[in-house]
PDB file of N, CA and C in Angstrom:
ATOM      1  N   UNK A   1      38.811 122.985-123.692  1.00  0.00           N
ATOM      2  CA  UNK A   1      38.165 122.356-125.125  1.00  0.00           C
ATOM      3  C   UNK A   1      38.434 120.615-125.053  1.00  0.00           C
ATOM      4  N   UNK A   2      37.433 119.781-125.377  1.00  0.00           N
ATOM      5  CA  UNK A   2      37.241 118.365-125.113  1.00  0.00           C
ATOM      6  C   UNK A   2      37.741 117.959-126.527  1.00  0.00           C
ATOM      7  N   UNK A   3      39.223 117.232-126.619  1.00  0.00           N
ATOM      8  CA  UNK A   3      39.647 116.566-127.752  1.00  0.00           C
ATOM      9  C   UNK A   3      39.357 115.253-127.177  1.00  0.00           C
ATOM     10  N   UNK A   4      38.302 114.507-126.754  1.00  0.00           N
ATOM     11  CA  UNK A   4      38.026 113.099-126.330  1.00  0.00           C
ATOM     12  C   UNK A   4      37.129 112.506-127.474  1.00  0.00           C
ATOM     13  N   UNK A   5      37.310 110.995-128.012  1.00  0.00           N
ATOM     14  CA  UNK A   5      36.587 110.407-128.710  1.00  0.00           C
ATOM     15  C   UNK A   5      35.146 110.504-128.292  1.00  0.00           C
ATOM     16  N   UNK A   6      34.062 110.732-129.309  1.00  0.00           N
ATOM     17  CA  UNK A   6      32.736 110.456-128.908  1.00  0.00           C
ATOM     18  C   UNK A   6      32.256 109.273-130.009  1.00  0.00           C
ATOM     19  N   UNK A   7      31.084 108.575-130.122  1.00  0.00           N
ATOM     20  CA  UNK A   7      30.679 107.506-130.830  1.00  0.00           C
ATOM     21  C   UNK A   7      29.622 107.646-131.438  1.00  0.00           C
ATOM     22  N   UNK A   8      29.385 108.948-132.679  1.00  0.00           N
ATOM     23  CA  UNK A   8      28.496 109.272-133.657  1.00  0.00           C
ATOM     24  C   UNK A   8      28.990 109.459-134.696  1.00  0.00           C
ATOM     25  N   UNK A   9      28.230 109.191-135.796  1.00  0.00           N
ATOM     26  CA  UNK A   9      28.644 109.780-137.103  1.00  0.00           C
ATOM     27  C   UNK A   9      27.328 110.903-137.418  1.00  0.00           C
ATOM     28  N   UNK A  10      27.791 111.606-138.452  1.00  0.00           N
ATOM     29  CA  UNK A  10      27.193 112.776-138.895  1.00  0.00           C
ATOM     30  C   UNK A  10      27.718 113.181-140.420  1.00  0.00           C
ATOM     31  N   UNK A  11      26.753 113.875-141.084  1.00  0.00           N
ATOM     32  CA  UNK A  11      27.006 114.568-142.415  1.00  0.00           C
ATOM     33  C   UNK A  11      27.623 115.809-142.534  1.00  0.00           C
ATOM     34  N   UNK A  12      28.163 116.242-143.500  1.00  0.00           N
ATOM     35  CA  UNK A  12      28.804 117.608-143.649  1.00  0.00           C
ATOM     36  C   UNK A  12      28.286 118.699-142.758  1.00  0.00           C
ATOM     37  N   UNK A  13      26.703 118.612-142.983  1.00  0.00           N
ATOM     38  CA  UNK A  13      26.333 119.811-142.529  1.00  0.00           C
ATOM     39  C   UNK A  13      26.057 119.975-141.041  1.00  0.00           C
ATOM     40  N   UNK A  14      26.237 118.876-140.371  1.00  0.00           N
ATOM     41  CA  UNK A  14      25.936 118.834-138.834  1.00  0.00           C
ATOM     42  C   UNK A  14      27.388 118.991-138.547  1.00  0.00           C
ATOM     43  N   UNK A  15      28.655 118.343-139.374  1.00  0.00           N
ATOM     44  CA  UNK A  15      29.976 118.675-138.661  1.00  0.00           C
ATOM     45  C   UNK A  15      30.281 120.234-138.976  1.00  0.00           C
ATOM     46  N   UNK A  16      29.580 120.470-139.833  1.00  0.00           N
ATOM     47  CA  UNK A  16      30.039 121.938-139.880  1.00  0.00           C
ATOM     48  C   UNK A  16      29.563 122.847-139.096  1.00  0.00           C
ATOM     49  N   UNK A  17      28.010 122.452-138.458  1.00  0.00           N
ATOM     50  CA  UNK A  17      27.284 123.561-137.388  1.00  0.00           C
ATOM     51  C   UNK A  17      28.202 123.011-136.222  1.00  0.00           C
ATOM     52  N   UNK A  18      28.705 121.801-135.690  1.00  0.00           N
ATOM     53  CA  UNK A  18      29.094 121.534-134.672  1.00  0.00           C
ATOM     54  C   UNK A  18      30.813 122.003-134.598  1.00  0.00           C
ATOM     55  N   UNK A  19      31.287 121.828-135.619  1.00  0.00           N
ATOM     56  CA  UNK A  19      32.640 122.424-135.611  1.00  0.00           C
ATOM     57  C   UNK A  19      32.982 123.934-135.756  1.00  0.00           C
ATOM     58  N   UNK A  20      31.819 124.390-136.213  1.00  0.00           N
ATOM     59  CA  UNK A  20      32.126 126.199-136.498  1.00  0.00           C
ATOM     60  C   UNK A  20      32.758 126.533-137.624  1.00  0.00           C
ATOM     61  N   UNK A  21      33.280 125.313-138.418  1.00  0.00           N
ATOM     62  CA  UNK A  21      33.978 125.532-139.714  1.00  0.00           C
ATOM     63  C   UNK A  21      33.003 125.343-141.350  1.00  0.00           C
ATOM     64  N   UNK A  22      33.363 126.376-141.783  1.00  0.00           N
ATOM     65  CA  UNK A  22      32.736 126.053-143.229  1.00  0.00           C
ATOM     66  C   UNK A  22      33.054 124.537-144.021  1.00  0.00           C
ATOM     67  N   UNK A  23      31.880 124.280-144.654  1.00  0.00           N
ATOM     68  CA  UNK A  23      32.159 122.960-145.247  1.00  0.00           C
ATOM     69  C   UNK A  23      33.261 123.064-146.329  1.00  0.00           C
ATOM     70  N   UNK A  24      33.717 124.240-146.996  1.00  0.00           N
ATOM     71  CA  UNK A  24      34.820 124.193-147.700  1.00  0.00           C
ATOM     72  C   UNK A  24      36.037 124.093-146.803  1.00  0.00           C
ATOM     73  N   UNK A  25      36.259 124.426-145.426  1.00  0.00           N
ATOM     74  CA  UNK A  25      37.272 124.404-144.898  1.00  0.00           C
ATOM     75  C   UNK A  25      37.324 122.884-144.510  1.00  0.00           C
ATOM     76  N   UNK A  26      36.318 122.408-144.299  1.00  0.00           N
ATOM     77  CA  UNK A  26      36.284 120.856-143.899  1.00  0.00           C
ATOM     78  C   UNK A  26      36.900 119.999-144.819  1.00  0.00           C
ATOM     79  N   UNK A  27      36.319 120.031-145.974  1.00  0.00           N
ATOM     80  CA  UNK A  27      36.739 119.615-147.346  1.00  0.00           C
ATOM     81  C   UNK A  27      38.336 119.696-147.572  1.00  0.00           C
ATOM     82  N   UNK A  28      38.647 120.926-147.416  1.00  0.00           N
ATOM     83  CA  UNK A  28      40.195 121.441-147.734  1.00  0.00           C
ATOM     84  C   UNK A  28      41.120 120.574-146.799  1.00  0.00           C
ATOM     85  N   UNK A  29      40.683 120.591-145.468  1.00  0.00           N
ATOM     86  CA  UNK A  29      41.537 119.715-144.641  1.00  0.00           C
ATOM     87  C   UNK A  29      41.342 118.486-144.975  1.00  0.00           C
ATOM     88  N   UNK A  30      40.172 118.216-145.408  1.00  0.00           N
ATOM     89  CA  UNK A  30      40.295 116.326-145.925  1.00  0.00           C
ATOM     90  C   UNK A  30      41.150 116.035-147.005  1.00  0.00           C
ATOM     91  N   UNK A  31      41.042 116.903-147.911  1.00  0.00           N
ATOM     92  CA  UNK A  31      41.961 116.816-149.249  1.00  0.00           C
ATOM     93  C   UNK A  31      43.440 116.980-148.725  1.00  0.00           C
ATOM     94  N   UNK A  32      43.745 117.883-147.802  1.00  0.00           N
ATOM     95  CA  UNK A  32      44.919 118.081-147.346  1.00  0.00           C
ATOM     96  C   UNK A  32      45.554 116.608-146.590  1.00  0.00           C
ATOM     97  N   UNK A  33      44.927 116.061-146.064  1.00  0.00           N
ATOM     98  CA  UNK A  33      44.709 114.691-145.302  1.00  0.00           C
ATOM     99  C   UNK A  33      44.995 115.200-143.927  1.00  0.00           C
ATOM    100  N   UNK A  34      44.685 116.306-143.243  1.00  0.00           N
ATOM    101  CA  UNK A  34      44.429 116.655-142.021  1.00  0.00           C
ATOM    102  C   UNK A  34      43.614 116.127-141.082  1.00  0.00           C
ATOM    103  N   UNK A  35      42.551 115.602-141.815  1.00  0.00           N
ATOM    104  CA  UNK A  35      41.210 114.961-140.726  1.00  0.00           C
ATOM    105  C   UNK A  35      41.404 113.466-141.394  1.00  0.00           C
ATOM    106  N   UNK A  36      40.759 112.610-140.610  1.00  0.00           N
ATOM    107  CA  UNK A  36      40.494 111.343-141.010  1.00  0.00           C
ATOM    108  C   UNK A  36      39.777 111.405-142.291  1.00  0.00           C
ATOM    109  N   UNK A  37      39.563 110.462-143.353  1.00  0.00           N
ATOM    110  CA  UNK A  37      38.924 110.295-144.515  1.00  0.00           C
ATOM    111  C   UNK A  37      37.465 109.822-143.819  1.00  0.00           C
ATOM    112  N   UNK A  38      36.424 110.329-144.213  1.00  0.00           N
ATOM    113  CA  UNK A  38      35.021 109.926-143.926  1.00  0.00           C
ATOM    114  C   UNK A  38      34.551 108.655-144.760  1.00  0.00           C
ATOM    115  N   UNK A  39      34.040 107.905-144.186  1.00  0.00           N
ATOM    116  CA  UNK A  39      33.272 106.594-144.616  1.00  0.00           C
ATOM    117  C   UNK A  39      32.419 107.509-145.916  1.00  0.00           C
ATOM    118  N   UNK A  40      32.236 106.288-146.964  1.00  0.00           N
ATOM    119  CA  UNK A  40      31.495 107.050-148.019  1.00  0.00           C
ATOM    120  C   UNK A  40      30.038 105.910-147.762  1.00  0.00           C
ATOM    121  N   UNK A  41      28.843 106.762-148.018  1.00  0.00           N
ATOM    122  CA  UNK A  41      27.850 105.857-147.963  1.00  0.00           C
ATOM    123  C   UNK A  41      27.531 105.708-149.462  1.00  0.00           C
ATOM    124  N   UNK A  42      26.458 104.637-149.753  1.00  0.00           N
ATOM    125  CA  UNK A  42      26.498 104.098-151.217  1.00  0.00           C
ATOM    126  C   UNK A  42      25.845 105.358-152.118  1.00  0.00           C
ATOM    127  N   UNK A  43      25.175 106.505-151.378  1.00  0.00           N
ATOM    128  CA  UNK A  43      24.460 107.349-152.323  1.00  0.00           C
ATOM    129  C   UNK A  43      25.813 108.575-152.190  1.00  0.00           C
ATOM    130  N   UNK A  44      26.970 108.214-152.085  1.00  0.00           N
ATOM    131  CA  UNK A  44      28.277 109.222-152.164  1.00  0.00           C
ATOM    132  C   UNK A  44      28.313 110.304-151.324  1.00  0.00           C
ATOM    133  N   UNK A  45      27.621 110.228-150.053  1.00  0.00           N
ATOM    134  CA  UNK A  45      27.409 111.230-149.107  1.00  0.00           C
ATOM    135  C   UNK A  45      28.670 110.788-148.242  1.00  0.00           C
ATOM    136  N   UNK A  46      29.218 111.781-147.512  1.00  0.00           N
ATOM    137  CA  UNK A  46      30.414 111.425-146.705  1.00  0.00           C
ATOM    138  C   UNK A  46      29.617 111.340-145.385  1.00  0.00           C
ATOM    139  N   UNK A  47      30.156 110.339-144.640  1.00  0.00           N
ATOM    140  CA  UNK A  47      29.524 110.053-143.164  1.00  0.00           C
ATOM    141  C   UNK A  47      31.003 110.200-142.337  1.00  0.00           C
ATOM    142  N   UNK A  48      31.028 111.129-141.437  1.00  0.00           N
ATOM    143  CA  UNK A  48      31.952 111.509-140.536  1.00  0.00           C
ATOM    144  C   UNK A  48      31.880 111.118-139.536  1.00  0.00           C
ATOM    145  N   UNK A  49      32.758 110.406-138.812  1.00  0.00           N
ATOM    146  CA  UNK A  49      32.697 109.907-137.330  1.00  0.00           C
ATOM    147  C   UNK A  49      33.245 110.951-136.204  1.00  0.00           C
ATOM    148  N   UNK A  50      32.704 111.052-135.131  1.00  0.00           N
ATOM    149  CA  UNK A  50      33.065 112.031-134.094  1.00  0.00           C
ATOM    150  C   UNK A  50      34.323 112.022-133.770  1.00  0.00           C
ATOM    151  N   UNK A  51      35.229 111.352-134.047  1.00  0.00           N
ATOM    152  CA  UNK A  51      36.710 111.899-134.026  1.00  0.00           C
ATOM    153  C   UNK A  51      37.248 112.760-134.939  1.00  0.00           C
ATOM    154  N   UNK A  52      36.367 112.957-136.256  1.00  0.00           N
ATOM    155  CA  UNK A  52      36.785 113.734-137.113  1.00  0.00           C
ATOM    156  C   UNK A  52      36.483 115.477-136.295  1.00  0.00           C
ATOM    157  N   UNK A  53      35.436 115.474-135.513  1.00  0.00           N
ATOM    158  CA  UNK A  53      35.103 116.734-134.833  1.00  0.00           C
ATOM    159  C   UNK A  53      36.212 117.114-133.953  1.00  0.00           C
ATOM    160  N   UNK A  54      36.733 115.814-133.172  1.00  0.00           N
ATOM    161  CA  UNK A  54      37.734 116.299-132.316  1.00  0.00           C
ATOM    162  C   UNK A  54      38.971 116.830-133.112  1.00  0.00           C
ATOM    163  N   UNK A  55      39.095 116.479-134.342  1.00  0.00           N
ATOM    164  CA  UNK A  55      40.635 116.770-135.123  1.00  0.00           C
ATOM    165  C   UNK A  55      40.215 118.245-135.525  1.00  0.00           C
ATOM    166  N   UNK A  56      39.124 118.521-135.724  1.00  0.00           N
ATOM    167  CA  UNK A  56      38.685 119.912-136.379  1.00  0.00           C
ATOM    168  C   UNK A  56      39.020 120.801-135.147  1.00  0.00           C
ATOM    169  N   UNK A  57      38.435 120.074-133.964  1.00  0.00           N
ATOM    170  CA  UNK A  57      38.366 121.356-132.756  1.00  0.00           C
ATOM    171  C   UNK A  57      39.978 121.357-132.424  1.00  0.00           C
ATOM    172  N   UNK A  58      40.612 120.459-132.570  1.00  0.00           N
ATOM    173  CA  UNK A  58      42.174 120.573-132.413  1.00  0.00           C
ATOM    174  C   UNK A  58      42.814 121.236-133.344  1.00  0.00           C
ATOM    175  N   UNK A  59      42.543 121.259-134.723  1.00  0.00           N
ATOM    176  CA  UNK A  59      43.126 122.442-135.417  1.00  0.00           C
ATOM    177  C   UNK A  59      42.806 123.581-135.109  1.00  0.00           C
ATOM    178  N   UNK A  60      41.573 123.866-135.155  1.00  0.00           N
ATOM    179  CA  UNK A  60      41.261 125.341-134.679  1.00  0.00           C
ATOM    180  C   UNK A  60      42.020 125.871-133.696  1.00  0.00           C
ATOM    181  N   UNK A  61      41.903 125.060-132.543  1.00  0.00           N
ATOM    182  CA  UNK A  61      42.581 125.493-131.167  1.00  0.00           C
ATOM    183  C   UNK A  61      44.419 125.705-131.546  1.00  0.00           C
ATOM    184  N   UNK A  62      44.717 124.956-132.345  1.00  0.00           N
ATOM    185  CA  UNK A  62      46.466 124.755-132.875  1.00  0.00           C
ATOM    186  C   UNK A  62      46.573 126.144-133.401  1.00  0.00           C
ATOM    187  N   UNK A  63      45.586 126.312-134.467  1.00  0.00           N
ATOM    188  CA  UNK A  63      45.931 127.746-135.431  1.00  0.00           C
ATOM    189  C   UNK A  63      45.604 129.179-134.395  1.00  0.00           C
ATOM    190  N   UNK A  64      44.542 128.732-133.411  1.00  0.00           N
ATOM    191  CA  UNK A  64      44.388 130.065-132.544  1.00  0.00           C
ATOM    192  C   UNK A  64      45.658 130.411-132.083  1.00  0.00           C
ATOM    193  N   UNK A  65      46.661 129.480-131.804  1.00  0.00           N
ATOM    194  CA  UNK A  65      47.753 129.687-130.922  1.00  0.00           C
ATOM    195  C   UNK A  65      48.946 129.984-131.730  1.00  0.00           C
ATOM    196  N   UNK A  66      48.804 129.849-133.203  1.00  0.00           N
ATOM    197  CA  UNK A  66      50.013 130.310-134.148  1.00  0.00           C
ATOM    198  C   UNK A  66      50.454 128.932-134.847  1.00  0.00           C
ATOM    199  N   UNK A  67      50.005 127.868-134.197  1.00  0.00           N
ATOM    200  CA  UNK A  67      50.498 126.535-135.276  1.00  0.00           C
ATOM    201  C   UNK A  67      50.097 126.759-136.582  1.00  0.00           C
ATOM    202  N   UNK A  68      50.912 126.492-137.726  1.00  0.00           N
ATOM    203  CA  UNK A  68      50.688 126.408-139.112  1.00  0.00           C
ATOM    204  C   UNK A  68      50.050 124.902-139.105  1.00  0.00           C
ATOM    205  N   UNK A  69      49.505 124.836-140.423  1.00  0.00           N
ATOM    206  CA  UNK A  69      48.949 123.549-140.686  1.00  0.00           C
ATOM    207  C   UNK A  69      50.013 122.404-141.016  1.00  0.00           C
ATOM    208  N   UNK A  70      51.211 122.782-141.236  1.00  0.00           N
ATOM    209  CA  UNK A  70      52.246 121.921-141.617  1.00  0.00           C
ATOM    210  C   UNK A  70      52.751 121.387-139.913  1.00  0.00           C
ATOM    211  N   UNK A  71      52.783 122.422-139.239  1.00  0.00           N
ATOM    212  CA  UNK A  71      52.904 122.122-137.829  1.00  0.00           C
ATOM    213  C   UNK A  71      51.908 121.048-137.047  1.00  0.00           C
ATOM    214  N   UNK A  72      50.941 121.282-137.614  1.00  0.00           N
ATOM    215  CA  UNK A  72      49.439 120.426-137.013  1.00  0.00           C
ATOM    216  C   UNK A  72      49.374 119.218-137.587  1.00  0.00           C
ATOM    217  N   UNK A  73      50.043 118.981-138.826  1.00  0.00           N
ATOM    218  CA  UNK A  73      49.834 117.748-139.305  1.00  0.00           C
ATOM    219  C   UNK A  73      50.360 116.446-138.851  1.00  0.00           C
ATOM    220  N   UNK A  74      51.432 116.539-137.874  1.00  0.00           N
ATOM    221  CA  UNK A  74      52.113 115.145-137.415  1.00  0.00           C
ATOM    222  C   UNK A  74      51.392 114.905-135.880  1.00  0.00           C
ATOM    223  N   UNK A  75      50.487 115.707-135.512  1.00  0.00           N
ATOM    224  CA  UNK A  75      50.184 116.026-134.016  1.00  0.00           C
ATOM    225  C   UNK A  75      48.529 115.331-134.615  1.00  0.00           C
ATOM    226  N   UNK A  76      48.039 115.266-135.371  1.00  0.00           N
ATOM    227  CA  UNK A  76      46.619 114.695-135.599  1.00  0.00           C
ATOM    228  C   UNK A  76      46.624 113.441-135.489  1.00  0.00           C
ATOM    229  N   UNK A  77      47.624 112.443-135.721  1.00  0.00           N
ATOM    230  CA  UNK A  77      47.498 111.085-135.415  1.00  0.00           C
ATOM    231  C   UNK A  77      47.555 110.776-133.980  1.00  0.00           C
ATOM    232  N   UNK A  78      48.197 111.693-133.438  1.00  0.00           N
ATOM    233  CA  UNK A  78      48.479 111.499-131.813  1.00  0.00           C
ATOM    234  C   UNK A  78      47.091 111.636-131.170  1.00  0.00           C
ATOM    235  N   UNK A  79      46.191 112.210-131.660  1.00  0.00           N
ATOM    236  CA  UNK A  79      45.035 112.317-130.755  1.00  0.00           C
ATOM    237  C   UNK A  79      44.160 110.969-130.457  1.00  0.00           C
ATOM    238  N   UNK A  80      44.517 110.094-131.082  1.00  0.00           N
ATOM    239  CA  UNK A  80      43.950 108.531-130.822  1.00  0.00           C
ATOM    240  C   UNK A  80      45.035 107.879-129.976  1.00  0.00           C
ATOM    241  N   UNK A  81      46.173 108.644-129.590  1.00  0.00           N
ATOM    242  CA  UNK A  81      46.736 108.010-128.834  1.00  0.00           C
ATOM    243  C   UNK A  81      46.578 108.013-126.967  1.00  0.00           C
ATOM    244  N   UNK A  82      46.989 107.685-126.155  1.00  0.00           N
ATOM    245  CA  UNK A  82      46.752 108.234-124.784  1.00  0.00           C
ATOM    246  C   UNK A  82      47.907 109.022-124.708  1.00  0.00           C
ATOM    247  N   UNK A  83      47.551 110.071-123.615  1.00  0.00           N
ATOM    248  CA  UNK A  83      48.493 111.343-123.687  1.00  0.00           C
ATOM    249  C   UNK A  83      49.887 110.791-123.202  1.00  0.00           C
ATOM    250  N   UNK A  84      50.361 110.001-122.883  1.00  0.00           N
ATOM    251  CA  UNK A  84      51.531 109.394-122.180  1.00  0.00           C
ATOM    252  C   UNK A  84      52.380 109.001-123.547  1.00  0.00           C
ATOM    253  N   UNK A  85      51.878 108.606-124.564  1.00  0.00           N
ATOM    254  CA  UNK A  85      52.418 108.392-125.555  1.00  0.00           C
ATOM    255  C   UNK A  85      52.606 109.602-126.693  1.00  0.00           C
ATOM    256  N   UNK A  86      52.367 110.686-126.231  1.00  0.00           N
ATOM    257  CA  UNK A  86      52.436 111.956-127.126  1.00  0.00           C
ATOM    258  C   UNK A  86      53.237 112.970-126.624  1.00  0.00           C
ATOM    259  N   UNK A  87      54.474 112.477-126.171  1.00  0.00           N
ATOM    260  CA  UNK A  87      55.720 113.190-125.966  1.00  0.00           C
ATOM    261  C   UNK A  87      56.153 114.476-126.886  1.00  0.00           C
ATOM    262  N   UNK A  88      56.230 114.048-127.985  1.00  0.00           N
ATOM    263  CA  UNK A  88      56.510 114.954-129.187  1.00  0.00           C
ATOM    264  C   UNK A  88      55.661 116.368-129.124  1.00  0.00           C
ATOM    265  N   UNK A  89      54.185 115.658-129.022  1.00  0.00           N
ATOM    266  CA  UNK A  89      53.001 116.701-129.277  1.00  0.00           C
ATOM    267  C   UNK A  89      53.293 117.582-127.944  1.00  0.00           C
ATOM    268  N   UNK A  90      53.307 117.183-126.668  1.00  0.00           N
ATOM    269  CA  UNK A  90      53.626 117.866-125.325  1.00  0.00           C
ATOM    270  C   UNK A  90      54.785 118.964-125.675  1.00  0.00           C
ATOM    271  N   UNK A  91      55.823 118.383-125.951  1.00  0.00           N
ATOM    272  CA  UNK A  91      57.143 118.965-126.142  1.00  0.00           C
ATOM    273  C   UNK A  91      56.651 120.404-127.214  1.00  0.00           C
ATOM    274  N   UNK A  92      55.955 119.729-128.487  1.00  0.00           N
ATOM    275  CA  UNK A  92      55.842 121.254-129.458  1.00  0.00           C
ATOM    276  C   UNK A  92      54.956 122.274-128.617  1.00  0.00           C
ATOM    277  N   UNK A  93      54.046 122.058-127.562  1.00  0.00           N
ATOM    278  CA  UNK A  93      53.033 122.616-126.834  1.00  0.00           C
ATOM    279  C   UNK A  93      53.887 123.594-126.174  1.00  0.00           C
ATOM    280  N   UNK A  94      54.636 122.885-125.431  1.00  0.00           N
ATOM    281  CA  UNK A  94      55.538 123.630-124.536  1.00  0.00           C
ATOM    282  C   UNK A  94      56.433 124.822-125.108  1.00  0.00           C
ATOM    283  N   UNK A  95      56.827 124.342-126.406  1.00  0.00           N
ATOM    284  CA  UNK A  95      57.620 125.365-127.119  1.00  0.00           C
ATOM    285  C   UNK A  95      56.847 126.407-127.506  1.00  0.00           C
ATOM    286  N   UNK A  96      55.932 126.056-127.965  1.00  0.00           N
ATOM    287  CA  UNK A  96      54.597 127.115-128.553  1.00  0.00           C
ATOM    288  C   UNK A  96      54.540 128.228-127.006  1.00  0.00           C
ATOM    289  N   UNK A  97      54.129 127.528-125.942  1.00  0.00           N
ATOM    290  CA  UNK A  97      53.960 128.269-125.016  1.00  0.00           C
ATOM    291  C   UNK A  97      55.228 129.146-124.483  1.00  0.00           C
ATOM    292  N   UNK A  98      56.303 128.629-124.609  1.00  0.00           N
ATOM    293  CA  UNK A  98      57.605 129.568-123.968  1.00  0.00           C
ATOM    294  C   UNK A  98      57.552 130.348-125.226  1.00  0.00           C
ATOM    295  N   UNK A  99      57.590 130.137-126.537  1.00  0.00           N
ATOM    296  CA  UNK A  99      57.508 131.485-127.604  1.00  0.00           C
ATOM    297  C   UNK A  99      56.486 132.561-127.361  1.00  0.00           C
ATOM    298  N   UNK A 100      55.250 132.292-126.765  1.00  0.00           N
ATOM    299  CA  UNK A 100      54.290 133.270-126.687  1.00  0.00           C
ATOM    300  C   UNK A 100      54.412 133.978-125.565  1.00  0.00           C
ATOM    301  N   UNK A 101      55.272 133.256-124.392  1.00  0.00           N
ATOM    302  CA  UNK A 101      55.261 133.967-123.331  1.00  0.00           C
ATOM    303  C   UNK A 101      56.693 134.927-123.334  1.00  0.00           C
ATOM    304  N   UNK A 102      57.544 134.467-124.261  1.00  0.00           N
ATOM    305  CA  UNK A 102      58.725 135.472-124.486  1.00  0.00           C
ATOM    306  C   UNK A 102      58.144 136.754-125.370  1.00  0.00           C
ATOM    307  N   UNK A 103      57.395 136.421-126.093  1.00  0.00           N
ATOM    308  CA  UNK A 103      56.701 137.531-127.380  1.00  0.00           C
ATOM    309  C   UNK A 103      55.763 138.530-126.011  1.00  0.00           C
ATOM    310  N   UNK A 104      55.361 138.052-125.350  1.00  0.00           N
ATOM    311  CA  UNK A 104      54.627 138.595-124.236  1.00  0.00           C
ATOM    312  C   UNK A 104      55.493 139.806-123.369  1.00  0.00           C
ATOM    313  N   UNK A 105      56.453 139.133-122.993  1.00  0.00           N
ATOM    314  CA  UNK A 105      57.595 139.791-122.089  1.00  0.00           C
ATOM    315  C   UNK A 105      58.078 140.844-122.882  1.00  0.00           C
ATOM    316  N   UNK A 106      58.367 140.544-124.319  1.00  0.00           N
ATOM    317  CA  UNK A 106      58.950 141.751-125.072  1.00  0.00           C
ATOM    318  C   UNK A 106      57.913 143.018-125.437  1.00  0.00           C
ATOM    319  N   UNK A 107      56.415 142.301-125.623  1.00  0.00           N
ATOM    320  CA  UNK A 107      55.695 143.448-125.901  1.00  0.00           C
ATOM    321  C   UNK A 107      55.537 144.436-124.540  1.00  0.00           C
ATOM    322  N   UNK A 108      55.632 143.796-123.475  1.00  0.00           N
ATOM    323  CA  UNK A 108      55.470 144.452-122.163  1.00  0.00           C
ATOM    324  C   UNK A 108      56.429 145.423-121.993  1.00  0.00           C
ATOM    325  N   UNK A 109      57.775 144.817-122.427  1.00  0.00           N
ATOM    326  CA  UNK A 109      58.951 145.876-122.264  1.00  0.00           C
ATOM    327  C   UNK A 109      58.764 146.943-123.184  1.00  0.00           C
ATOM    328  N   UNK A 110      58.249 146.759-124.532  1.00  0.00           N
ATOM    329  CA  UNK A 110      57.839 147.799-125.514  1.00  0.00           C
ATOM    330  C   UNK A 110      56.915 148.668-124.907  1.00  0.00           C
ATOM    331  N   UNK A 111      55.759 148.241-123.990  1.00  0.00           N
ATOM    332  CA  UNK A 111      55.034 149.367-123.587  1.00  0.00           C
ATOM    333  C   UNK A 111      55.567 150.070-122.393  1.00  0.00           C
ATOM    334  N   UNK A 112      56.268 149.613-121.963  1.00  0.00           N
ATOM    335  CA  UNK A 112      57.408 150.322-120.910  1.00  0.00           C
ATOM    336  C   UNK A 112      57.799 151.471-121.629  1.00  0.00           C
ATOM    337  N   UNK A 113      58.630 151.358-122.608  1.00  0.00           N
ATOM    338  CA  UNK A 113      59.749 152.244-123.218  1.00  0.00           C
ATOM    339  C   UNK A 113      58.622 153.315-123.720  1.00  0.00           C
ATOM    340  N   UNK A 114      57.551 152.817-124.433  1.00  0.00           N
ATOM    341  CA  UNK A 114      56.573 154.045-124.989  1.00  0.00           C
ATOM    342  C   UNK A 114      56.169 154.608-123.908  1.00  0.00           C
ATOM    343  N   UNK A 115      55.672 154.234-122.594  1.00  0.00           N
ATOM    344  CA  UNK A 115      55.207 154.911-121.773  1.00  0.00           C
ATOM    345  C   UNK A 115      56.264 155.877-120.998  1.00  0.00           C
ATOM    346  N   UNK A 116      57.841 155.387-120.879  1.00  0.00           N
ATOM    347  CA  UNK A 116      58.455 156.321-120.710  1.00  0.00           C
ATOM    348  C   UNK A 116      58.880 157.558-121.531  1.00  0.00           C
ATOM    349  N   UNK A 117      58.870 156.929-122.818  1.00  0.00           N
ATOM    350  CA  UNK A 117      58.752 158.100-124.064  1.00  0.00           C
ATOM    351  C   UNK A 117      57.670 159.236-123.960  1.00  0.00           C
ATOM    352  N   UNK A 118      56.605 158.634-123.719  1.00  0.00           N
ATOM    353  CA  UNK A 118      55.547 159.642-123.566  1.00  0.00           C
ATOM    354  C   UNK A 118      55.582 160.627-122.512  1.00  0.00           C
ATOM    355  N   UNK A 119      55.955 159.932-121.262  1.00  0.00           N
ATOM    356  CA  UNK A 119      56.375 160.523-120.240  1.00  0.00           C
ATOM    357  C   UNK A 119      57.199 162.150-120.463  1.00  0.00           C
ATOM    358  N   UNK A 120      58.262 161.723-120.971  1.00  0.00           N
ATOM    359  CA  UNK A 120      59.075 163.021-121.676  1.00  0.00           C
ATOM    360  C   UNK A 120      58.531 163.778-122.284  1.00  0.00           C
ATOM    361  N   UNK A 121      57.466 163.871-123.170  1.00  0.00           N
ATOM    362  CA  UNK A 121      56.802 164.459-123.798  1.00  0.00           C
ATOM    363  C   UNK A 121      55.370 165.199-122.840  1.00  0.00           C
ATOM    364  N   UNK A 122      55.572 165.081-121.664  1.00  0.00           N
ATOM    365  CA  UNK A 122      54.168 165.148-120.967  1.00  0.00           C
ATOM    366  C   UNK A 122      53.240 164.831-121.009  1.00  0.00           C
ATOM    367  N   UNK A 123      53.063 163.476-121.525  1.00  0.00           N
ATOM    368  CA  UNK A 123      51.622 162.637-121.356  1.00  0.00           C
ATOM    369  C   UNK A 123      51.828 161.765-120.340  1.00  0.00           C
ATOM    370  N   UNK A 124      51.046 161.975-119.145  1.00  0.00           N
ATOM    371  CA  UNK A 124      51.344 160.996-118.028  1.00  0.00           C
ATOM    372  C   UNK A 124      50.872 159.849-118.311  1.00  0.00           C
ATOM    373  N   UNK A 125      50.115 159.249-118.667  1.00  0.00           N
ATOM    374  CA  UNK A 125      49.530 158.118-119.012  1.00  0.00           C
ATOM    375  C   UNK A 125      48.802 158.045-120.516  1.00  0.00           C
ATOM    376  N   UNK A 126      48.875 156.773-121.026  1.00  0.00           N
ATOM    377  CA  UNK A 126      48.486 156.826-122.291  1.00  0.00           C
ATOM    378  C   UNK A 126      46.983 156.584-122.799  1.00  0.00           C
ATOM    379  N   UNK A 127      46.189 156.400-121.321  1.00  0.00           N
ATOM    380  CA  UNK A 127      44.917 156.679-121.479  1.00  0.00           C
ATOM    381  C   UNK A 127      44.263 158.120-121.695  1.00  0.00           C
ATOM    382  N   UNK A 128      45.290 159.047-121.156  1.00  0.00           N
ATOM    383  CA  UNK A 128      44.906 160.266-120.811  1.00  0.00           C
ATOM    384  C   UNK A 128      45.310 160.914-122.381  1.00  0.00           C
TER     385      UNK A 128
END
């Protein structure tokens, strides 16, 4: 997933298509202050820059690994900074990685216990 800046502007329909998010979701994130406010054209249309697409991709990726919107909020401004200035964001990503790794290890242990119980009752393998 590429979170780099690009240099074009787009209306909400194009942003909706390119981000894979509905216009209602985009507007919700805008109202919540999670994405950069769009420039307003004289006809009242919103004109989003390419960085908004970067923000939306980041939000989607962060949500998919369990971050809440409140977890994500402080990270959004970091997307405009060079990576070496994002120590706190990197630390949050590492913590999340550790948490998910621990959850996977626990679930693997649960699977092993289930398989042991199943063996006790004569079921040689869960797929059988």
